[in-house]
Amino acid sequence: MDKISPDSPQYVYEQLAAIIERKIRTGVYPPGTRLPGELTMTHEYKVGPGTVRRALDILRDQGLVVTVRAQGSFVADPLPPAPEAAVPPA
């Protein structure tokens, strides 16, 4: 789902980071692709610019996004491996 839920216990910026990560991992935004600009994302997801910045901070910390000053944010190439899903104890 690509919508921000105000009723979610998760912070809005975490929800946005998860949406963008999902788009990266599924190939909507392939490695090396420039992400939409901050203003575009604020309109698309109906969030403030600070929310977009915090979401991008999370993605940078995960190694999924690289930001180049005056050029924008790009999907990392190559992508880091996806975190393994937690396996429930037997």
PDB file of N, CA and C in Angstrom:
ATOM      1  N   MET A   1       0.848  -1.181   0.000  1.00  0.00           N
ATOM      2  CA  MET A   1       0.000   0.000   0.000  1.00  0.00           C
ATOM      3  C   MET A   1       0.890   1.240   0.000  1.00  0.00           C
ATOM      4  N   ASP A   2       0.560   2.198  -0.847  1.00  0.00           N
ATOM      5  CA  ASP A   2       1.375   3.397  -0.977  1.00  0.00           C
ATOM      6  C   ASP A   2       0.708   4.618  -0.369  1.00  0.00           C
ATOM      7  N   LYS A   3      -0.031   4.401   0.680  1.00  0.00           N
ATOM      8  CA  LYS A   3      -0.709   5.507   1.360  1.00  0.00           C
ATOM      9  C   LYS A   3      -0.179   5.623   2.787  1.00  0.00           C
ATOM     10  N   ILE A   4      -0.115   6.851   3.257  1.00  0.00           N
ATOM     11  CA  ILE A   4       0.262   7.118   4.639  1.00  0.00           C
ATOM     12  C   ILE A   4      -0.994   6.980   5.486  1.00  0.00           C
ATOM     13  N   SER A   5      -0.906   6.223   6.560  1.00  0.00           N
ATOM     14  CA  SER A   5      -2.051   6.038   7.440  1.00  0.00           C
ATOM     15  C   SER A   5      -1.863   6.845   8.720  1.00  0.00           C
ATOM     16  N   PRO A   6      -2.705   7.833   8.947  1.00  0.00           N
ATOM     17  CA  PRO A   6      -2.590   8.617  10.179  1.00  0.00           C
ATOM     18  C   PRO A   6      -2.936   7.793  11.423  1.00  0.00           C
ATOM     19  N   ASP A   7      -3.618   6.665  11.232  1.00  0.00           N
ATOM     20  CA  ASP A   7      -4.002   5.818  12.366  1.00  0.00           C
ATOM     21  C   ASP A   7      -2.931   4.791  12.727  1.00  0.00           C
ATOM     22  N   SER A   8      -1.881   4.714  11.935  1.00  0.00           N
ATOM     23  CA  SER A   8      -0.822   3.740  12.189  1.00  0.00           C
ATOM     24  C   SER A   8      -0.012   4.138  13.421  1.00  0.00           C
ATOM     25  N   PRO A   9       0.438   3.140  14.197  1.00  0.00           N
ATOM     26  CA  PRO A   9       1.309   3.453  15.331  1.00  0.00           C
ATOM     27  C   PRO A   9       2.717   3.865  14.873  1.00  0.00           C
ATOM     28  N   GLN A  10       3.025   3.636  13.603  1.00  0.00           N
ATOM     29  CA  GLN A  10       4.331   3.972  13.033  1.00  0.00           C
ATOM     30  C   GLN A  10       4.353   5.459  12.659  1.00  0.00           C
ATOM     31  N   TYR A  11       5.491   6.116  12.903  1.00  0.00           N
ATOM     32  CA  TYR A  11       5.625   7.524  12.528  1.00  0.00           C
ATOM     33  C   TYR A  11       5.413   7.679  11.022  1.00  0.00           C
ATOM     34  N   VAL A  12       4.921   8.847  10.611  1.00  0.00           N
ATOM     35  CA  VAL A  12       4.646   9.107   9.200  1.00  0.00           C
ATOM     36  C   VAL A  12       5.928   8.984   8.378  1.00  0.00           C
ATOM     37  N   TYR A  13       7.044   9.514   8.866  1.00  0.00           N
ATOM     38  CA  TYR A  13       8.288   9.439   8.100  1.00  0.00           C
ATOM     39  C   TYR A  13       8.766   7.993   7.962  1.00  0.00           C
ATOM     40  N   GLU A  14       8.491   7.142   8.956  1.00  0.00           N
ATOM     41  CA  GLU A  14       8.842   5.721   8.842  1.00  0.00           C
ATOM     42  C   GLU A  14       7.961   5.030   7.800  1.00  0.00           C
ATOM     43  N   GLN A  15       6.675   5.405   7.774  1.00  0.00           N
ATOM     44  CA  GLN A  15       5.783   4.845   6.759  1.00  0.00           C
ATOM     45  C   GLN A  15       6.243   5.238   5.357  1.00  0.00           C
ATOM     46  N   LEU A  16       6.627   6.505   5.196  1.00  0.00           N
ATOM     47  CA  LEU A  16       7.088   6.973   3.894  1.00  0.00           C
ATOM     48  C   LEU A  16       8.378   6.259   3.496  1.00  0.00           C
ATOM     49  N   ALA A  17       9.297   6.104   4.430  1.00  0.00           N
ATOM     50  CA  ALA A  17      10.543   5.386   4.132  1.00  0.00           C
ATOM     51  C   ALA A  17      10.238   3.953   3.693  1.00  0.00           C
ATOM     52  N   ALA A  18       9.277   3.300   4.341  1.00  0.00           N
ATOM     53  CA  ALA A  18       8.905   1.931   3.981  1.00  0.00           C
ATOM     54  C   ALA A  18       8.292   1.875   2.578  1.00  0.00           C
ATOM     55  N   ILE A  19       7.484   2.873   2.230  1.00  0.00           N
ATOM     56  CA  ILE A  19       6.876   2.927   0.898  1.00  0.00           C
ATOM     57  C   ILE A  19       7.961   3.071  -0.165  1.00  0.00           C
ATOM     58  N   ILE A  20       8.890   3.994   0.059  1.00  0.00           N
ATOM     59  CA  ILE A  20       9.961   4.221  -0.924  1.00  0.00           C
ATOM     60  C   ILE A  20      10.864   2.991  -0.998  1.00  0.00           C
ATOM     61  N   GLU A  21      11.178   2.388   0.152  1.00  0.00           N
ATOM     62  CA  GLU A  21      12.002   1.170   0.128  1.00  0.00           C
ATOM     63  C   GLU A  21      11.318   0.081  -0.685  1.00  0.00           C
ATOM     64  N   ARG A  22      10.019  -0.089  -0.496  1.00  0.00           N
ATOM     65  CA  ARG A  22       9.283  -1.113  -1.245  1.00  0.00           C
ATOM     66  C   ARG A  22       9.375  -0.832  -2.749  1.00  0.00           C
ATOM     67  N   LYS A  23       9.261   0.441  -3.126  1.00  0.00           N
ATOM     68  CA  LYS A  23       9.363   0.801  -4.544  1.00  0.00           C
ATOM     69  C   LYS A  23      10.771   0.534  -5.081  1.00  0.00           C
ATOM     70  N   ILE A  24      11.774   0.728  -4.249  1.00  0.00           N
ATOM     71  CA  ILE A  24      13.146   0.442  -4.659  1.00  0.00           C
ATOM     72  C   ILE A  24      13.330  -1.067  -4.820  1.00  0.00           C
ATOM     73  N   ARG A  25      12.926  -1.827  -3.822  1.00  0.00           N
ATOM     74  CA  ARG A  25      13.132  -3.286  -3.828  1.00  0.00           C
ATOM     75  C   ARG A  25      12.338  -3.996  -4.920  1.00  0.00           C
ATOM     76  N   THR A  26      11.194  -3.414  -5.336  1.00  0.00           N
ATOM     77  CA  THR A  26      10.378  -4.047  -6.375  1.00  0.00           C
ATOM     78  C   THR A  26      10.728  -3.553  -7.781  1.00  0.00           C
ATOM     79  N   GLY A  27      11.676  -2.632  -7.872  1.00  0.00           N
ATOM     80  CA  GLY A  27      12.122  -2.188  -9.186  1.00  0.00           C
ATOM     81  C   GLY A  27      11.371  -0.998  -9.762  1.00  0.00           C
ATOM     82  N   VAL A  28      10.431  -0.437  -9.013  1.00  0.00           N
ATOM     83  CA  VAL A  28       9.767   0.785  -9.484  1.00  0.00           C
ATOM     84  C   VAL A  28      10.825   1.883  -9.638  1.00  0.00           C
ATOM     85  N   TYR A  29      11.739   1.939  -8.672  1.00  0.00           N
ATOM     86  CA  TYR A  29      12.898   2.834  -8.745  1.00  0.00           C
ATOM     87  C   TYR A  29      14.138   1.945  -8.825  1.00  0.00           C
ATOM     88  N   PRO A  30      14.622   1.637 -10.038  1.00  0.00           N
ATOM     89  CA  PRO A  30      15.795   0.769 -10.173  1.00  0.00           C
ATOM     90  C   PRO A  30      17.080   1.452  -9.686  1.00  0.00           C
ATOM     91  N   PRO A  31      18.131   0.666  -9.418  1.00  0.00           N
ATOM     92  CA  PRO A  31      19.414   1.243  -8.998  1.00  0.00           C
ATOM     93  C   PRO A  31      19.885   2.319  -9.979  1.00  0.00           C
ATOM     94  N   GLY A  32      20.381   3.418  -9.420  1.00  0.00           N
ATOM     95  CA  GLY A  32      20.889   4.522 -10.220  1.00  0.00           C
ATOM     96  C   GLY A  32      19.837   5.551 -10.603  1.00  0.00           C
ATOM     97  N   THR A  33      18.568   5.241 -10.360  1.00  0.00           N
ATOM     98  CA  THR A  33      17.476   6.143 -10.724  1.00  0.00           C
ATOM     99  C   THR A  33      17.384   7.310  -9.750  1.00  0.00           C
ATOM    100  N   ARG A  34      17.115   8.482 -10.306  1.00  0.00           N
ATOM    101  CA  ARG A  34      16.885   9.657  -9.458  1.00  0.00           C
ATOM    102  C   ARG A  34      15.482   9.548  -8.887  1.00  0.00           C
ATOM    103  N   LEU A  35      15.375   9.725  -7.576  1.00  0.00           N
ATOM    104  CA  LEU A  35      14.071   9.711  -6.921  1.00  0.00           C
ATOM    105  C   LEU A  35      13.329  11.012  -7.213  1.00  0.00           C
ATOM    106  N   PRO A  36      12.001  10.988  -7.100  1.00  0.00           N
ATOM    107  CA  PRO A  36      11.267  12.255  -7.248  1.00  0.00           C
ATOM    108  C   PRO A  36      11.784  13.278  -6.231  1.00  0.00           C
ATOM    109  N   GLY A  37      11.687  14.533  -6.577  1.00  0.00           N
ATOM    110  CA  GLY A  37      12.156  15.593  -5.695  1.00  0.00           C
ATOM    111  C   GLY A  37      11.302  15.725  -4.441  1.00  0.00           C
ATOM    112  N   GLU A  38      11.849  16.437  -3.493  1.00  0.00           N
ATOM    113  CA  GLU A  38      11.175  16.643  -2.203  1.00  0.00           C
ATOM    114  C   GLU A  38       9.778  17.244  -2.390  1.00  0.00           C
ATOM    115  N   LEU A  39       9.676  18.266  -3.222  1.00  0.00           N
ATOM    116  CA  LEU A  39       8.392  18.920  -3.443  1.00  0.00           C
ATOM    117  C   LEU A  39       7.385  17.949  -4.070  1.00  0.00           C
ATOM    118  N   THR A  40       7.835  17.163  -5.026  1.00  0.00           N
ATOM    119  CA  THR A  40       6.958  16.173  -5.659  1.00  0.00           C
ATOM    120  C   THR A  40       6.441  15.181  -4.632  1.00  0.00           C
ATOM    121  N   MET A  41       7.328  14.714  -3.762  1.00  0.00           N
ATOM    122  CA  MET A  41       6.908  13.736  -2.746  1.00  0.00           C
ATOM    123  C   MET A  41       5.975  14.358  -1.717  1.00  0.00           C
ATOM    124  N   THR A  42       6.185  15.628  -1.373  1.00  0.00           N
ATOM    125  CA  THR A  42       5.280  16.262  -0.406  1.00  0.00           C
ATOM    126  C   THR A  42       3.853  16.301  -0.961  1.00  0.00           C
ATOM    127  N   HIS A  43       3.731  16.549  -2.261  1.00  0.00           N
ATOM    128  CA  HIS A  43       2.405  16.587  -2.889  1.00  0.00           C
ATOM    129  C   HIS A  43       1.833  15.182  -3.070  1.00  0.00           C
ATOM    130  N   GLU A  44       2.664  14.261  -3.534  1.00  0.00           N
ATOM    131  CA  GLU A  44       2.201  12.897  -3.808  1.00  0.00           C
ATOM    132  C   GLU A  44       1.696  12.191  -2.550  1.00  0.00           C
ATOM    133  N   TYR A  45       2.432  12.355  -1.442  1.00  0.00           N
ATOM    134  CA  TYR A  45       2.075  11.639  -0.210  1.00  0.00           C
ATOM    135  C   TYR A  45       1.368  12.523   0.813  1.00  0.00           C
ATOM    136  N   LYS A  46       1.185  13.798   0.469  1.00  0.00           N
ATOM    137  CA  LYS A  46       0.494  14.751   1.358  1.00  0.00           C
ATOM    138  C   LYS A  46       1.155  14.831   2.738  1.00  0.00           C
ATOM    139  N   VAL A  47       2.468  15.041   2.708  1.00  0.00           N
ATOM    140  CA  VAL A  47       3.270  15.179   3.930  1.00  0.00           C
ATOM    141  C   VAL A  47       4.110  16.444   3.802  1.00  0.00           C
ATOM    142  N   GLY A  48       4.704  16.849   4.895  1.00  0.00           N
ATOM    143  CA  GLY A  48       5.562  18.027   4.887  1.00  0.00           C
ATOM    144  C   GLY A  48       6.966  17.711   4.410  1.00  0.00           C
ATOM    145  N   PRO A  49       7.738  18.738   4.056  1.00  0.00           N
ATOM    146  CA  PRO A  49       9.099  18.526   3.581  1.00  0.00           C
ATOM    147  C   PRO A  49      10.008  17.880   4.626  1.00  0.00           C
ATOM    148  N   GLY A  50       9.781  18.194   5.901  1.00  0.00           N
ATOM    149  CA  GLY A  50      10.589  17.572   6.955  1.00  0.00           C
ATOM    150  C   GLY A  50      10.360  16.068   7.018  1.00  0.00           C
ATOM    151  N   THR A  51       9.141  15.646   6.747  1.00  0.00           N
ATOM    152  CA  THR A  51       8.822  14.215   6.736  1.00  0.00           C
ATOM    153  C   THR A  51       9.574  13.521   5.612  1.00  0.00           C
ATOM    154  N   VAL A  52       9.597  14.143   4.435  1.00  0.00           N
ATOM    155  CA  VAL A  52      10.331  13.574   3.302  1.00  0.00           C
ATOM    156  C   VAL A  52      11.814  13.487   3.636  1.00  0.00           C
ATOM    157  N   ARG A  53      12.366  14.546   4.221  1.00  0.00           N
ATOM    158  CA  ARG A  53      13.797  14.543   4.573  1.00  0.00           C
ATOM    159  C   ARG A  53      14.125  13.439   5.569  1.00  0.00           C
ATOM    160  N   ARG A  54      13.273  13.257   6.574  1.00  0.00           N
ATOM    161  CA  ARG A  54      13.531  12.208   7.574  1.00  0.00           C
ATOM    162  C   ARG A  54      13.433  10.827   6.956  1.00  0.00           C
ATOM    163  N   ALA A  55      12.488  10.636   6.042  1.00  0.00           N
ATOM    164  CA  ALA A  55      12.365   9.346   5.353  1.00  0.00           C
ATOM    165  C   ALA A  55      13.627   9.071   4.529  1.00  0.00           C
ATOM    166  N   LEU A  56      14.111  10.089   3.824  1.00  0.00           N
ATOM    167  CA  LEU A  56      15.335   9.921   3.029  1.00  0.00           C
ATOM    168  C   LEU A  56      16.544   9.674   3.931  1.00  0.00           C
ATOM    169  N   ASP A  57      16.571  10.291   5.108  1.00  0.00           N
ATOM    170  CA  ASP A  57      17.653  10.026   6.076  1.00  0.00           C
ATOM    171  C   ASP A  57      17.693   8.545   6.441  1.00  0.00           C
ATOM    172  N   ILE A  58      16.517   7.964   6.690  1.00  0.00           N
ATOM    173  CA  ILE A  58      16.442   6.538   7.037  1.00  0.00           C
ATOM    174  C   ILE A  58      16.989   5.703   5.880  1.00  0.00           C
ATOM    175  N   LEU A  59      16.562   6.021   4.664  1.00  0.00           N
ATOM    176  CA  LEU A  59      16.994   5.253   3.498  1.00  0.00           C
ATOM    177  C   LEU A  59      18.488   5.416   3.236  1.00  0.00           C
ATOM    178  N   ARG A  60      19.028   6.608   3.502  1.00  0.00           N
ATOM    179  CA  ARG A  60      20.486   6.807   3.377  1.00  0.00           C
ATOM    180  C   ARG A  60      21.218   5.958   4.403  1.00  0.00           C
ATOM    181  N   ASP A  61      20.709   5.945   5.645  1.00  0.00           N
ATOM    182  CA  ASP A  61      21.334   5.150   6.705  1.00  0.00           C
ATOM    183  C   ASP A  61      21.325   3.657   6.369  1.00  0.00           C
ATOM    184  N   GLN A  62      20.311   3.207   5.623  1.00  0.00           N
ATOM    185  CA  GLN A  62      20.215   1.809   5.221  1.00  0.00           C
ATOM    186  C   GLN A  62      21.043   1.512   3.969  1.00  0.00           C
ATOM    187  N   GLY A  63      21.615   2.548   3.372  1.00  0.00           N
ATOM    188  CA  GLY A  63      22.423   2.363   2.172  1.00  0.00           C
ATOM    189  C   GLY A  63      21.610   2.219   0.899  1.00  0.00           C
ATOM    190  N   LEU A  64      20.324   2.559   0.947  1.00  0.00           N
ATOM    191  CA  LEU A  64      19.466   2.417  -0.232  1.00  0.00           C
ATOM    192  C   LEU A  64      19.466   3.647  -1.132  1.00  0.00           C
ATOM    193  N   VAL A  65      19.814   4.794  -0.551  1.00  0.00           N
ATOM    194  CA  VAL A  65      19.744   6.066  -1.277  1.00  0.00           C
ATOM    195  C   VAL A  65      21.047   6.838  -1.070  1.00  0.00           C
ATOM    196  N   VAL A  66      21.467   7.498  -2.141  1.00  0.00           N
ATOM    197  CA  VAL A  66      22.624   8.385  -2.087  1.00  0.00           C
ATOM    198  C   VAL A  66      22.146   9.758  -2.524  1.00  0.00           C
ATOM    199  N   THR A  67      22.474  10.790  -1.753  1.00  0.00           N
ATOM    200  CA  THR A  67      22.057  12.145  -2.106  1.00  0.00           C
ATOM    201  C   THR A  67      23.280  12.927  -2.568  1.00  0.00           C
ATOM    202  N   VAL A  68      23.143  13.554  -3.733  1.00  0.00           N
ATOM    203  CA  VAL A  68      24.206  14.374  -4.309  1.00  0.00           C
ATOM    204  C   VAL A  68      23.740  15.818  -4.255  1.00  0.00           C
ATOM    205  N   ARG A  69      24.523  16.645  -3.606  1.00  0.00           N
ATOM    206  CA  ARG A  69      24.149  18.050  -3.425  1.00  0.00           C
ATOM    207  C   ARG A  69      23.831  18.706  -4.771  1.00  0.00           C
ATOM    208  N   ALA A  70      22.730  19.423  -4.813  1.00  0.00           N
ATOM    209  CA  ALA A  70      22.251  20.175  -5.980  1.00  0.00           C
ATOM    210  C   ALA A  70      21.835  19.274  -7.142  1.00  0.00           C
ATOM    211  N   GLN A  71      21.807  17.941  -6.934  1.00  0.00           N
ATOM    212  CA  GLN A  71      21.372  17.045  -8.001  1.00  0.00           C
ATOM    213  C   GLN A  71      20.192  16.176  -7.591  1.00  0.00           C
ATOM    214  N   GLY A  72      20.084  15.872  -6.301  1.00  0.00           N
ATOM    215  CA  GLY A  72      18.962  15.081  -5.840  1.00  0.00           C
ATOM    216  C   GLY A  72      19.397  13.784  -5.175  1.00  0.00           C
ATOM    217  N   SER A  73      18.406  12.936  -4.919  1.00  0.00           N
ATOM    218  CA  SER A  73      18.649  11.641  -4.281  1.00  0.00           C
ATOM    219  C   SER A  73      18.470  10.544  -5.317  1.00  0.00           C
ATOM    220  N   PHE A  74      19.362   9.569  -5.270  1.00  0.00           N
ATOM    221  CA  PHE A  74      19.390   8.496  -6.239  1.00  0.00           C
ATOM    222  C   PHE A  74      19.373   7.155  -5.516  1.00  0.00           C
ATOM    223  N   VAL A  75      18.804   6.149  -6.179  1.00  0.00           N
ATOM    224  CA  VAL A  75      18.824   4.790  -5.638  1.00  0.00           C
ATOM    225  C   VAL A  75      20.256   4.288  -5.736  1.00  0.00           C
ATOM    226  N   ALA A  76      20.744   3.706  -4.642  1.00  0.00           N
ATOM    227  CA  ALA A  76      22.117   3.192  -4.598  1.00  0.00           C
ATOM    228  C   ALA A  76      22.320   2.127  -5.673  1.00  0.00           C
ATOM    229  N   ASP A  77      23.520   2.100  -6.236  1.00  0.00           N
ATOM    230  CA  ASP A  77      23.871   1.105  -7.241  1.00  0.00           C
ATOM    231  C   ASP A  77      25.277   0.619  -6.936  1.00  0.00           C
ATOM    232  N   PRO A  78      25.414  -0.608  -6.459  1.00  0.00           N
ATOM    233  CA  PRO A  78      24.387  -1.642  -6.300  1.00  0.00           C
ATOM    234  C   PRO A  78      23.605  -1.460  -4.998  1.00  0.00           C
ATOM    235  N   LEU A  79      22.458  -2.115  -4.954  1.00  0.00           N
ATOM    236  CA  LEU A  79      21.629  -2.087  -3.750  1.00  0.00           C
ATOM    237  C   LEU A  79      22.213  -3.003  -2.686  1.00  0.00           C
ATOM    238  N   PRO A  80      22.116  -2.612  -1.425  1.00  0.00           N
ATOM    239  CA  PRO A  80      22.502  -3.533  -0.368  1.00  0.00           C
ATOM    240  C   PRO A  80      21.489  -4.679  -0.297  1.00  0.00           C
ATOM    241  N   PRO A  81      21.889  -5.822   0.235  1.00  0.00           N
ATOM    242  CA  PRO A  81      20.921  -6.926   0.332  1.00  0.00           C
ATOM    243  C   PRO A  81      19.749  -6.548   1.254  1.00  0.00           C
ATOM    244  N   ALA A  82      18.605  -7.113   0.936  1.00  0.00           N
ATOM    245  CA  ALA A  82      17.415  -6.884   1.767  1.00  0.00           C
ATOM    246  C   ALA A  82      17.611  -7.574   3.112  1.00  0.00           C
ATOM    247  N   PRO A  83      17.141  -6.945   4.187  1.00  0.00           N
ATOM    248  CA  PRO A  83      17.256  -7.607   5.483  1.00  0.00           C
ATOM    249  C   PRO A  83      16.435  -8.889   5.465  1.00  0.00           C
ATOM    250  N   GLU A  84      16.968  -9.909   6.100  1.00  0.00           N
ATOM    251  CA  GLU A  84      16.265 -11.185   6.133  1.00  0.00           C
ATOM    252  C   GLU A  84      15.054 -11.075   7.038  1.00  0.00           C
ATOM    253  N   ALA A  85      13.990 -11.709   6.635  1.00  0.00           N
ATOM    254  CA  ALA A  85      12.775 -11.721   7.447  1.00  0.00           C
ATOM    255  C   ALA A  85      13.045 -12.502   8.726  1.00  0.00           C
ATOM    256  N   ALA A  86      12.486 -12.004   9.798  1.00  0.00           N
ATOM    257  CA  ALA A  86      12.658 -12.701  11.079  1.00  0.00           C
ATOM    258  C   ALA A  86      11.977 -14.056  11.012  1.00  0.00           C
ATOM    259  N   VAL A  87      12.699 -15.056  11.423  1.00  0.00           N
ATOM    260  CA  VAL A  87      12.150 -16.410  11.421  1.00  0.00           C
ATOM    261  C   VAL A  87      11.618 -16.690  12.823  1.00  0.00           C
ATOM    262  N   PRO A  88      10.333 -17.037  12.928  1.00  0.00           N
ATOM    263  CA  PRO A  88       9.791 -17.311  14.259  1.00  0.00           C
ATOM    264  C   PRO A  88      10.426 -18.558  14.872  1.00  0.00           C
ATOM    265  N   PRO A  89      10.636 -18.541  16.174  1.00  0.00           N
ATOM    266  CA  PRO A  89      11.253 -19.721  16.804  1.00  0.00           C
ATOM    267  C   PRO A  89      10.353 -20.937  16.674  1.00  0.00           C
ATOM    268  N   ALA A  90      11.008 -22.092  16.570  1.00  0.00           N
ATOM    269  CA  ALA A  90      10.255 -23.351  16.401  1.00  0.00           C
ATOM    270  C   ALA A  90       9.654 -23.817  17.699  1.00  0.00           C
TER     271      ALA A  90
END
